[in-house]
C-alpha atoms as a PDB file:
ATOM      1  CA  UNK A   1     147.706 306.331 102.259  1.00  0.00           C
ATOM      2  CA  UNK A   2     149.454 308.313  99.528  1.00  0.00           C
ATOM      3  CA  UNK A   3     149.945 312.060  99.900  1.00  0.00           C
ATOM      4  CA  UNK A   4     149.223 314.688  97.279  1.00  0.00           C
ATOM      5  CA  UNK A   5     152.204 316.469  95.790  1.00  0.00           C
ATOM      6  CA  UNK A   6     153.657 319.442  97.669  1.00  0.00           C
ATOM      7  CA  UNK A   7     156.236 322.078  96.703  1.00  0.00           C
ATOM      8  CA  UNK A   8     159.112 320.242  98.391  1.00  0.00           C
ATOM      9  CA  UNK A   9     160.788 316.891  97.952  1.00  0.00           C
ATOM     10  CA  UNK A  10     162.610 315.645 101.053  1.00  0.00           C
ATOM     11  CA  UNK A  11     159.787 316.207 103.541  1.00  0.00           C
ATOM     12  CA  UNK A  12     156.081 316.955 103.182  1.00  0.00           C
ATOM     13  CA  UNK A  13     152.840 316.631 105.092  1.00  0.00           C
ATOM     14  CA  UNK A  14     150.988 313.498 104.083  1.00  0.00           C
ATOM     15  CA  UNK A  15     147.740 313.726 106.026  1.00  0.00           C
ATOM     16  CA  UNK A  16     146.265 314.906 109.309  1.00  0.00           C
ATOM     17  CA  UNK A  17     143.999 312.885 111.594  1.00  0.00           C
ATOM     18  CA  UNK A  18     141.375 314.490 113.833  1.00  0.00           C
ATOM     19  CA  UNK A  19     139.295 313.002 116.627  1.00  0.00           C
ATOM     20  CA  UNK A  20     135.698 314.175 116.204  1.00  0.00           C
ATOM     21  CA  UNK A  21     132.464 313.774 118.153  1.00  0.00           C
ATOM     22  CA  UNK A  22     130.014 314.157 115.276  1.00  0.00           C
ATOM     23  CA  UNK A  23     131.515 312.264 112.361  1.00  0.00           C
ATOM     24  CA  UNK A  24     128.619 312.893 109.982  1.00  0.00           C
ATOM     25  CA  UNK A  25     128.567 316.648 110.544  1.00  0.00           C
ATOM     26  CA  UNK A  26     132.343 317.076 110.335  1.00  0.00           C
ATOM     27  CA  UNK A  27     132.616 314.925 107.241  1.00  0.00           C
ATOM     28  CA  UNK A  28     129.909 316.933 105.496  1.00  0.00           C
ATOM     29  CA  UNK A  29     131.639 320.173 106.487  1.00  0.00           C
ATOM     30  CA  UNK A  30     134.976 319.149 105.037  1.00  0.00           C
ATOM     31  CA  UNK A  31     133.265 317.970 101.874  1.00  0.00           C
ATOM     32  CA  UNK A  32     130.740 320.764 101.343  1.00  0.00           C
ATOM     33  CA  UNK A  33     132.717 323.741 102.656  1.00  0.00           C
ATOM     34  CA  UNK A  34     136.379 322.839 102.266  1.00  0.00           C
ATOM     35  CA  UNK A  35     135.947 320.790  99.100  1.00  0.00           C
ATOM     36  CA  UNK A  36     137.418 317.409 100.033  1.00  0.00           C
ATOM     37  CA  UNK A  37     135.924 314.159  98.743  1.00  0.00           C
ATOM     38  CA  UNK A  38     134.972 311.110 100.784  1.00  0.00           C
ATOM     39  CA  UNK A  39     137.371 308.320  99.826  1.00  0.00           C
ATOM     40  CA  UNK A  40     136.592 305.651 102.411  1.00  0.00           C
ATOM     41  CA  UNK A  41     134.297 304.948 105.361  1.00  0.00           C
ATOM     42  CA  UNK A  42     135.655 302.261 107.660  1.00  0.00           C
ATOM     43  CA  UNK A  43     134.396 300.640 110.848  1.00  0.00           C
ATOM     44  CA  UNK A  44     136.732 298.147 112.467  1.00  0.00           C
ATOM     45  CA  UNK A  45     138.275 297.235 115.813  1.00  0.00           C
ATOM     46  CA  UNK A  46     139.794 300.711 116.130  1.00  0.00           C
ATOM     47  CA  UNK A  47     136.410 302.386 115.610  1.00  0.00           C
ATOM     48  CA  UNK A  48     134.763 304.222 112.760  1.00  0.00           C
ATOM     49  CA  UNK A  49     136.759 306.614 110.634  1.00  0.00           C
ATOM     50  CA  UNK A  50     136.424 308.379 107.321  1.00  0.00           C
ATOM     51  CA  UNK A  51     139.177 309.267 104.887  1.00  0.00           C
ATOM     52  CA  UNK A  52     138.818 312.418 102.802  1.00  0.00           C
ATOM     53  CA  UNK A  53     141.084 313.922 100.171  1.00  0.00           C
ATOM     54  CA  UNK A  54     141.599 314.954  96.571  1.00  0.00           C
ATOM     55  CA  UNK A  55     142.874 313.214  93.447  1.00  0.00           C
ATOM     56  CA  UNK A  56     142.037 309.941  95.199  1.00  0.00           C
ATOM     57  CA  UNK A  57     144.703 310.741  97.815  1.00  0.00           C
ATOM     58  CA  UNK A  58     144.020 311.054 101.527  1.00  0.00           C
ATOM     59  CA  UNK A  59     144.568 314.424 103.191  1.00  0.00           C
ATOM     60  CA  UNK A  60     142.328 314.142 106.230  1.00  0.00           C
ATOM     61  CA  UNK A  61     141.273 311.273 108.483  1.00  0.00           C
ATOM     62  CA  UNK A  62     138.323 311.754 110.820  1.00  0.00           C
ATOM     63  CA  UNK A  63     138.295 309.357 113.774  1.00  0.00           C
ATOM     64  CA  UNK A  64     134.963 309.049 115.528  1.00  0.00           C
ATOM     65  CA  UNK A  65     134.780 309.293 119.325  1.00  0.00           C
ATOM     66  CA  UNK A  66     131.339 310.490 120.451  1.00  0.00           C
ATOM     67  CA  UNK A  67     132.531 310.655 124.077  1.00  0.00           C
ATOM     68  CA  UNK A  68     135.576 312.869 123.465  1.00  0.00           C
ATOM     69  CA  UNK A  69     135.609 316.227 125.216  1.00  0.00           C
ATOM     70  CA  UNK A  70     136.481 319.470 123.491  1.00  0.00           C
ATOM     71  CA  UNK A  71     139.811 320.813 124.822  1.00  0.00           C
ATOM     72  CA  UNK A  72     140.221 324.239 126.358  1.00  0.00           C
ATOM     73  CA  UNK A  73     141.576 326.990 124.087  1.00  0.00           C
ATOM     74  CA  UNK A  74     144.669 327.201 126.308  1.00  0.00           C
ATOM     75  CA  UNK A  75     145.671 323.555 125.819  1.00  0.00           C
ATOM     76  CA  UNK A  76     148.414 322.383 123.483  1.00  0.00           C
ATOM     77  CA  UNK A  77     147.311 320.858 120.198  1.00  0.00           C
ATOM     78  CA  UNK A  78     146.122 322.039 116.820  1.00  0.00           C
ATOM     79  CA  UNK A  79     146.113 325.718 115.864  1.00  0.00           C
ATOM     80  CA  UNK A  80     145.184 325.001 112.248  1.00  0.00           C
ATOM     81  CA  UNK A  81     145.516 322.579 109.369  1.00  0.00           C
ATOM     82  CA  UNK A  82     146.560 324.477 106.239  1.00  0.00           C
ATOM     83  CA  UNK A  83     145.274 323.320 102.850  1.00  0.00           C
ATOM     84  CA  UNK A  84     147.556 324.529 100.078  1.00  0.00           C
ATOM     85  CA  UNK A  85     145.914 325.280  96.729  1.00  0.00           C
ATOM     86  CA  UNK A  86     147.938 325.272  93.485  1.00  0.00           C
ATOM     87  CA  UNK A  87     147.228 328.850  92.381  1.00  0.00           C
ATOM     88  CA  UNK A  88     145.794 332.225  93.311  1.00  0.00           C
ATOM     89  CA  UNK A  89     142.879 331.584  90.967  1.00  0.00           C
ATOM     90  CA  UNK A  90     142.098 328.380  92.873  1.00  0.00           C
ATOM     91  CA  UNK A  91     142.098 330.322  96.141  1.00  0.00           C
ATOM     92  CA  UNK A  92     139.773 332.888  94.558  1.00  0.00           C
ATOM     93  CA  UNK A  93     137.427 330.097  93.420  1.00  0.00           C
ATOM     94  CA  UNK A  94     137.314 328.722  96.945  1.00  0.00           C
ATOM     95  CA  UNK A  95     136.656 332.175  98.412  1.00  0.00           C
ATOM     96  CA  UNK A  96     133.697 332.814  96.084  1.00  0.00           C
ATOM     97  CA  UNK A  97     132.351 329.349  96.911  1.00  0.00           C
ATOM     98  CA  UNK A  98     132.673 329.974 100.663  1.00  0.00           C
ATOM     99  CA  UNK A  99     130.988 333.373 100.454  1.00  0.00           C
ATOM    100  CA  UNK A 100     128.127 331.885  98.433  1.00  0.00           C
ATOM    101  CA  UNK A 101     127.618 329.311 101.189  1.00  0.00           C
ATOM    102  CA  UNK A 102     127.532 332.012 103.850  1.00  0.00           C
ATOM    103  CA  UNK A 103     130.738 330.775 105.480  1.00  0.00           C
ATOM    104  CA  UNK A 104     132.150 333.109 108.143  1.00  0.00           C
ATOM    105  CA  UNK A 105     135.884 333.697 107.791  1.00  0.00           C
ATOM    106  CA  UNK A 106     137.976 334.220 110.908  1.00  0.00           C
ATOM    107  CA  UNK A 107     140.543 336.214 108.968  1.00  0.00           C
ATOM    108  CA  UNK A 108     142.249 336.909 105.664  1.00  0.00           C
ATOM    109  CA  UNK A 109     145.960 337.733 105.500  1.00  0.00           C
ATOM    110  CA  UNK A 110     148.808 338.534 103.163  1.00  0.00           C
ATOM    111  CA  UNK A 111     151.859 336.818 104.661  1.00  0.00           C
ATOM    112  CA  UNK A 112     154.283 338.045 101.947  1.00  0.00           C
ATOM    113  CA  UNK A 113     155.081 334.430 101.044  1.00  0.00           C
ATOM    114  CA  UNK A 114     151.417 333.485 100.701  1.00  0.00           C
ATOM    115  CA  UNK A 115     147.813 334.657 100.807  1.00  0.00           C
ATOM    116  CA  UNK A 116     145.616 332.926 103.344  1.00  0.00           C
ATOM    117  CA  UNK A 117     142.002 332.600 104.454  1.00  0.00           C
ATOM    118  CA  UNK A 118     141.105 331.331 107.921  1.00  0.00           C
ATOM    119  CA  UNK A 119     138.054 329.615 109.372  1.00  0.00           C
ATOM    120  CA  UNK A 120     137.057 327.146 112.089  1.00  0.00           C
ATOM    121  CA  UNK A 121     135.210 323.853 111.715  1.00  0.00           C
ATOM    122  CA  UNK A 122     132.091 323.041 113.815  1.00  0.00           C
ATOM    123  CA  UNK A 123     134.182 321.368 116.535  1.00  0.00           C
ATOM    124  CA  UNK A 124     136.684 324.204 116.911  1.00  0.00           C
ATOM    125  CA  UNK A 125     139.517 322.959 114.697  1.00  0.00           C
ATOM    126  CA  UNK A 126     141.315 325.792 112.927  1.00  0.00           C
ATOM    127  CA  UNK A 127     141.655 325.701 109.130  1.00  0.00           C
ATOM    128  CA  UNK A 128     143.749 327.734 106.707  1.00  0.00           C
ATOM    129  CA  UNK A 129     143.164 327.782 102.956  1.00  0.00           C
ATOM    130  CA  UNK A 130     146.098 329.358 101.109  1.00  0.00           C
ATOM    131  CA  UNK A 131     148.271 329.605  98.050  1.00  0.00           C
ATOM    132  CA  UNK A 132     151.985 330.320  97.864  1.00  0.00           C
ATOM    133  CA  UNK A 133     153.584 333.112  95.931  1.00  0.00           C
ATOM    134  CA  UNK A 134     156.482 332.094  93.689  1.00  0.00           C
ATOM    135  CA  UNK A 135     159.589 331.364  95.739  1.00  0.00           C
ATOM    136  CA  UNK A 136     161.519 334.068  93.975  1.00  0.00           C
ATOM    137  CA  UNK A 137     159.082 336.586  95.484  1.00  0.00           C
ATOM    138  CA  UNK A 138     159.606 335.467  99.091  1.00  0.00           C
ATOM    139  CA  UNK A 139     161.492 338.157 101.053  1.00  0.00           C
ATOM    140  CA  UNK A 140     164.595 336.859 102.801  1.00  0.00           C
ATOM    141  CA  UNK A 141     166.367 338.261 105.852  1.00  0.00           C
ATOM    142  CA  UNK A 142     170.129 338.749 105.967  1.00  0.00           C
ATOM    143  CA  UNK A 143     170.574 335.402 107.749  1.00  0.00           C
ATOM    144  CA  UNK A 144     168.687 333.558 104.998  1.00  0.00           C
ATOM    145  CA  UNK A 145     165.492 333.110 106.968  1.00  0.00           C
ATOM    146  CA  UNK A 146     162.138 333.844 105.361  1.00  0.00           C
ATOM    147  CA  UNK A 147     160.470 337.134 106.264  1.00  0.00           C
ATOM    148  CA  UNK A 148     156.735 336.820 106.868  1.00  0.00           C
ATOM    149  CA  UNK A 149     154.142 339.301 108.026  1.00  0.00           C
ATOM    150  CA  UNK A 150     150.406 339.486 108.689  1.00  0.00           C
ATOM    151  CA  UNK A 151     148.941 342.173 106.454  1.00  0.00           C
ATOM    152  CA  UNK A 152     145.327 342.746 105.391  1.00  0.00           C
ATOM    153  CA  UNK A 153     144.234 340.793 102.323  1.00  0.00           C
ATOM    154  CA  UNK A 154     142.050 342.545  99.755  1.00  0.00           C
ATOM    155  CA  UNK A 155     139.194 340.042  99.392  1.00  0.00           C
ATOM    156  CA  UNK A 156     137.541 341.925  96.547  1.00  0.00           C
ATOM    157  CA  UNK A 157     140.741 341.859  94.498  1.00  0.00           C
ATOM    158  CA  UNK A 158     141.173 338.176  95.240  1.00  0.00           C
ATOM    159  CA  UNK A 159     137.574 337.286  94.370  1.00  0.00           C
ATOM    160  CA  UNK A 160     137.986 339.071  91.024  1.00  0.00           C
ATOM    161  CA  UNK A 161     140.450 336.338  90.053  1.00  0.00           C
ATOM    162  CA  UNK A 162     137.821 333.597  90.314  1.00  0.00           C
ATOM    163  CA  UNK A 163     136.665 331.736  87.229  1.00  0.00           C
ATOM    164  CA  UNK A 164     133.055 331.324  86.187  1.00  0.00           C
ATOM    165  CA  UNK A 165     132.861 327.562  86.569  1.00  0.00           C
ATOM    166  CA  UNK A 166     130.926 326.172  89.513  1.00  0.00           C
ATOM    167  CA  UNK A 167     133.156 325.099  92.411  1.00  0.00           C
ATOM    168  CA  UNK A 168     133.618 321.331  92.239  1.00  0.00           C
ATOM    169  CA  UNK A 169     135.923 320.689  95.187  1.00  0.00           C
ATOM    170  CA  UNK A 170     139.604 321.274  95.792  1.00  0.00           C
ATOM    171  CA  UNK A 171     141.476 321.141  92.490  1.00  0.00           C
ATOM    172  CA  UNK A 172     144.160 318.668  91.478  1.00  0.00           C
ATOM    173  CA  UNK A 173     147.470 319.480  93.107  1.00  0.00           C
ATOM    174  CA  UNK A 174     145.933 320.589  96.398  1.00  0.00           C
ATOM    175  CA  UNK A 175     147.683 319.304  99.512  1.00  0.00           C
ATOM    176  CA  UNK A 176     148.267 319.985 103.172  1.00  0.00           C
ATOM    177  CA  UNK A 177     151.024 322.568 103.006  1.00  0.00           C
ATOM    178  CA  UNK A 178     151.638 322.898 106.725  1.00  0.00           C
ATOM    179  CA  UNK A 179     150.257 322.270 110.189  1.00  0.00           C
ATOM    180  CA  UNK A 180     150.373 324.948 112.878  1.00  0.00           C
ATOM    181  CA  UNK A 181     150.449 323.825 116.511  1.00  0.00           C
ATOM    182  CA  UNK A 182     149.801 325.295 119.923  1.00  0.00           C
ATOM    183  CA  UNK A 183     152.628 324.429 122.320  1.00  0.00           C
ATOM    184  CA  UNK A 184     153.625 325.332 125.852  1.00  0.00           C
ATOM    185  CA  UNK A 185     157.146 326.588 125.277  1.00  0.00           C
ATOM    186  CA  UNK A 186     159.074 327.710 122.180  1.00  0.00           C
ATOM    187  CA  UNK A 187     162.490 326.544 123.426  1.00  0.00           C
ATOM    188  CA  UNK A 188     161.117 323.035 123.885  1.00  0.00           C
ATOM    189  CA  UNK A 189     159.477 323.255 120.468  1.00  0.00           C
ATOM    190  CA  UNK A 190     162.795 324.197 118.868  1.00  0.00           C
ATOM    191  CA  UNK A 191     164.598 321.363 120.686  1.00  0.00           C
ATOM    192  CA  UNK A 192     162.084 318.870 119.306  1.00  0.00           C
ATOM    193  CA  UNK A 193     161.228 320.120 115.822  1.00  0.00           C
ATOM    194  CA  UNK A 194     164.594 321.574 114.862  1.00  0.00           C
ATOM    195  CA  UNK A 195     167.191 319.718 116.921  1.00  0.00           C
ATOM    196  CA  UNK A 196     165.568 316.272 116.994  1.00  0.00           C
ATOM    197  CA  UNK A 197     163.431 316.242 113.859  1.00  0.00           C
ATOM    198  CA  UNK A 198     166.033 318.133 111.847  1.00  0.00           C
ATOM    199  CA  UNK A 199     163.842 320.909 110.441  1.00  0.00           C
ATOM    200  CA  UNK A 200     165.297 324.371 109.925  1.00  0.00           C
ATOM    201  CA  UNK A 201     163.950 327.382 111.768  1.00  0.00           C
ATOM    202  CA  UNK A 202     162.725 329.243 108.700  1.00  0.00           C
ATOM    203  CA  UNK A 203     161.143 332.224 110.413  1.00  0.00           C
ATOM    204  CA  UNK A 204     160.595 333.757 113.826  1.00  0.00           C
ATOM    205  CA  UNK A 205     157.551 335.769 114.821  1.00  0.00           C
ATOM    206  CA  UNK A 206     156.533 337.130 118.242  1.00  0.00           C
ATOM    207  CA  UNK A 207     155.367 334.068 120.143  1.00  0.00           C
ATOM    208  CA  UNK A 208     155.910 331.638 117.240  1.00  0.00           C
ATOM    209  CA  UNK A 209     158.511 329.623 115.348  1.00  0.00           C
ATOM    210  CA  UNK A 210     158.209 328.267 111.813  1.00  0.00           C
ATOM    211  CA  UNK A 211     160.024 325.064 110.837  1.00  0.00           C
ATOM    212  CA  UNK A 212     160.640 323.834 107.296  1.00  0.00           C
ATOM    213  CA  UNK A 213     162.705 321.643 104.987  1.00  0.00           C
ATOM    214  CA  UNK A 214     164.098 322.378 101.508  1.00  0.00           C
ATOM    215  CA  UNK A 215     163.837 326.119 102.096  1.00  0.00           C
ATOM    216  CA  UNK A 216     160.032 326.000 102.376  1.00  0.00           C
ATOM    217  CA  UNK A 217     158.643 328.741 104.617  1.00  0.00           C
ATOM    218  CA  UNK A 218     157.179 326.160 106.968  1.00  0.00           C
ATOM    219  CA  UNK A 219     155.886 322.625 107.122  1.00  0.00           C
ATOM    220  CA  UNK A 220     155.233 322.893 110.859  1.00  0.00           C
ATOM    221  CA  UNK A 221     154.775 325.903 113.114  1.00  0.00           C
ATOM    222  CA  UNK A 222     154.448 326.296 116.854  1.00  0.00           C
ATOM    223  CA  UNK A 223     153.027 329.176 118.853  1.00  0.00           C
ATOM    224  CA  UNK A 224     152.287 330.069 122.477  1.00  0.00           C
ATOM    225  CA  UNK A 225     149.688 332.770 121.752  1.00  0.00           C
ATOM    226  CA  UNK A 226     146.967 330.934 123.684  1.00  0.00           C
ATOM    227  CA  UNK A 227     148.905 328.072 125.269  1.00  0.00           C
ATOM    228  CA  UNK A 228     151.988 329.480 127.041  1.00  0.00           C
ATOM    229  CA  UNK A 229     152.997 327.051 129.791  1.00  0.00           C
ATOM    230  CA  UNK A 230     150.638 324.284 128.619  1.00  0.00           C
ATOM    231  CA  UNK A 231     151.563 320.758 129.607  1.00  0.00           C
ATOM    232  CA  UNK A 232     150.936 317.503 127.725  1.00  0.00           C
ATOM    233  CA  UNK A 233     147.533 317.135 126.067  1.00  0.00           C
ATOM    234  CA  UNK A 234     144.819 315.373 128.006  1.00  0.00           C
ATOM    235  CA  UNK A 235     143.560 312.021 126.722  1.00  0.00           C
ATOM    236  CA  UNK A 236     139.990 311.672 125.506  1.00  0.00           C
ATOM    237  CA  UNK A 237     139.711 315.043 123.781  1.00  0.00           C
ATOM    238  CA  UNK A 238     138.696 316.062 120.305  1.00  0.00           C
ATOM    239  CA  UNK A 239     141.151 317.653 117.895  1.00  0.00           C
ATOM    240  CA  UNK A 240     144.496 316.620 116.533  1.00  0.00           C
ATOM    241  CA  UNK A 241     145.242 312.904 116.677  1.00  0.00           C
ATOM    242  CA  UNK A 242     148.183 312.557 114.284  1.00  0.00           C
ATOM    243  CA  UNK A 243     150.293 314.334 111.694  1.00  0.00           C
ATOM    244  CA  UNK A 244     151.771 312.076 109.010  1.00  0.00           C
ATOM    245  CA  UNK A 245     155.053 313.224 107.494  1.00  0.00           C
ATOM    246  CA  UNK A 246     156.488 311.761 104.302  1.00  0.00           C
ATOM    247  CA  UNK A 247     160.292 311.787 104.278  1.00  0.00           C
ATOM    248  CA  UNK A 248     162.378 311.130 101.184  1.00  0.00           C
ATOM    249  CA  UNK A 249     165.718 311.948 102.816  1.00  0.00           C
ATOM    250  CA  UNK A 250     167.864 308.820 103.378  1.00  0.00           C
ATOM    251  CA  UNK A 251     168.375 308.178 107.074  1.00  0.00           C
ATOM    252  CA  UNK A 252     165.621 310.531 108.253  1.00  0.00           C
ATOM    253  CA  UNK A 253     163.574 307.745 109.813  1.00  0.00           C
ATOM    254  CA  UNK A 254     166.631 305.900 111.096  1.00  0.00           C
ATOM    255  CA  UNK A 255     167.731 309.006 112.972  1.00  0.00           C
ATOM    256  CA  UNK A 256     164.368 308.882 114.780  1.00  0.00           C
ATOM    257  CA  UNK A 257     164.712 305.202 115.632  1.00  0.00           C
ATOM    258  CA  UNK A 258     162.738 303.672 112.769  1.00  0.00           C
ATOM    259  CA  UNK A 259     163.427 300.001 112.191  1.00  0.00           C
ATOM    260  CA  UNK A 260     161.326 299.870 109.016  1.00  0.00           C
ATOM    261  CA  UNK A 261     159.581 302.264 106.694  1.00  0.00           C
ATOM    262  CA  UNK A 262     157.797 304.247 109.395  1.00  0.00           C
ATOM    263  CA  UNK A 263     158.116 305.430 112.973  1.00  0.00           C
ATOM    264  CA  UNK A 264     155.780 307.265 115.342  1.00  0.00           C
ATOM    265  CA  UNK A 265     157.066 309.814 117.838  1.00  0.00           C
ATOM    266  CA  UNK A 266     155.422 312.340 120.148  1.00  0.00           C
ATOM    267  CA  UNK A 267     156.392 315.910 120.810  1.00  0.00           C
ATOM    268  CA  UNK A 268     156.655 317.221 124.406  1.00  0.00           C
ATOM    269  CA  UNK A 269     152.889 317.929 124.434  1.00  0.00           C
ATOM    270  CA  UNK A 270     151.822 314.501 123.252  1.00  0.00           C
ATOM    271  CA  UNK A 271     151.183 315.381 119.610  1.00  0.00           C
ATOM    272  CA  UNK A 272     151.705 312.225 117.559  1.00  0.00           C
ATOM    273  CA  UNK A 273     153.821 312.418 114.396  1.00  0.00           C
ATOM    274  CA  UNK A 274     154.149 309.379 112.167  1.00  0.00           C
ATOM    275  CA  UNK A 275     157.093 309.581 109.777  1.00  0.00           C
ATOM    276  CA  UNK A 276     156.845 307.445 106.636  1.00  0.00           C
ATOM    277  CA  UNK A 277     159.444 306.654 104.011  1.00  0.00           C
ATOM    278  CA  UNK A 278     158.584 308.389 100.742  1.00  0.00           C
END
């Protein structure tokens, strides 16, 4: 799998894999609502799975398990997968498309560094659709960290930026900008994602930490808003199966014990991260 381009160079999200009960329904949702395209439909010894993406590049893998159980809201796992669009106009186009389809948004926020729309797929997986403001506009704290907030987003003003062309899927340059996780403890999350993985703590928010590379506001985030004290994820549940990271920094994989071009590790809650040489 080859990732779409992202705003950073040394580390980026390649793709996210989800375990789903209803493969047909989820695949249609991510195509019709989110705007991904079906790139492959495979059925082998590991089971059936579909690969979806843009520009011919995989962003999302759906792994079929009709017997998987939906996890409780308080369990560790996925908070949302965030699809990064290349411009504000592209976000406006997606918003107008979603409203025309009657999609219910869970929220819409101005985070100072970005503008974001939130929704949930039919099996309870959180989704963010967003665009970044120019880096020069990101507010920085005295210690160099990125200041973020959650302010109301003016949907009418955003929609006014949409073009007249019919929505034809996520545009070229779209990617997975970040993945936000539910964890059981923020100190453990920092020990894993910052101390072991080597990401910087880019921002702190009540009940959440944001980790990034290359000065990006975050590639990965962790919160305890619903999951404080959660233990390792139970097997046989729907939701997050894997996050693939693409690392271009020499020695990144070796530091994690990679003997070749990739290595798979798990965080304290059982979330699988595969790190691949870029």
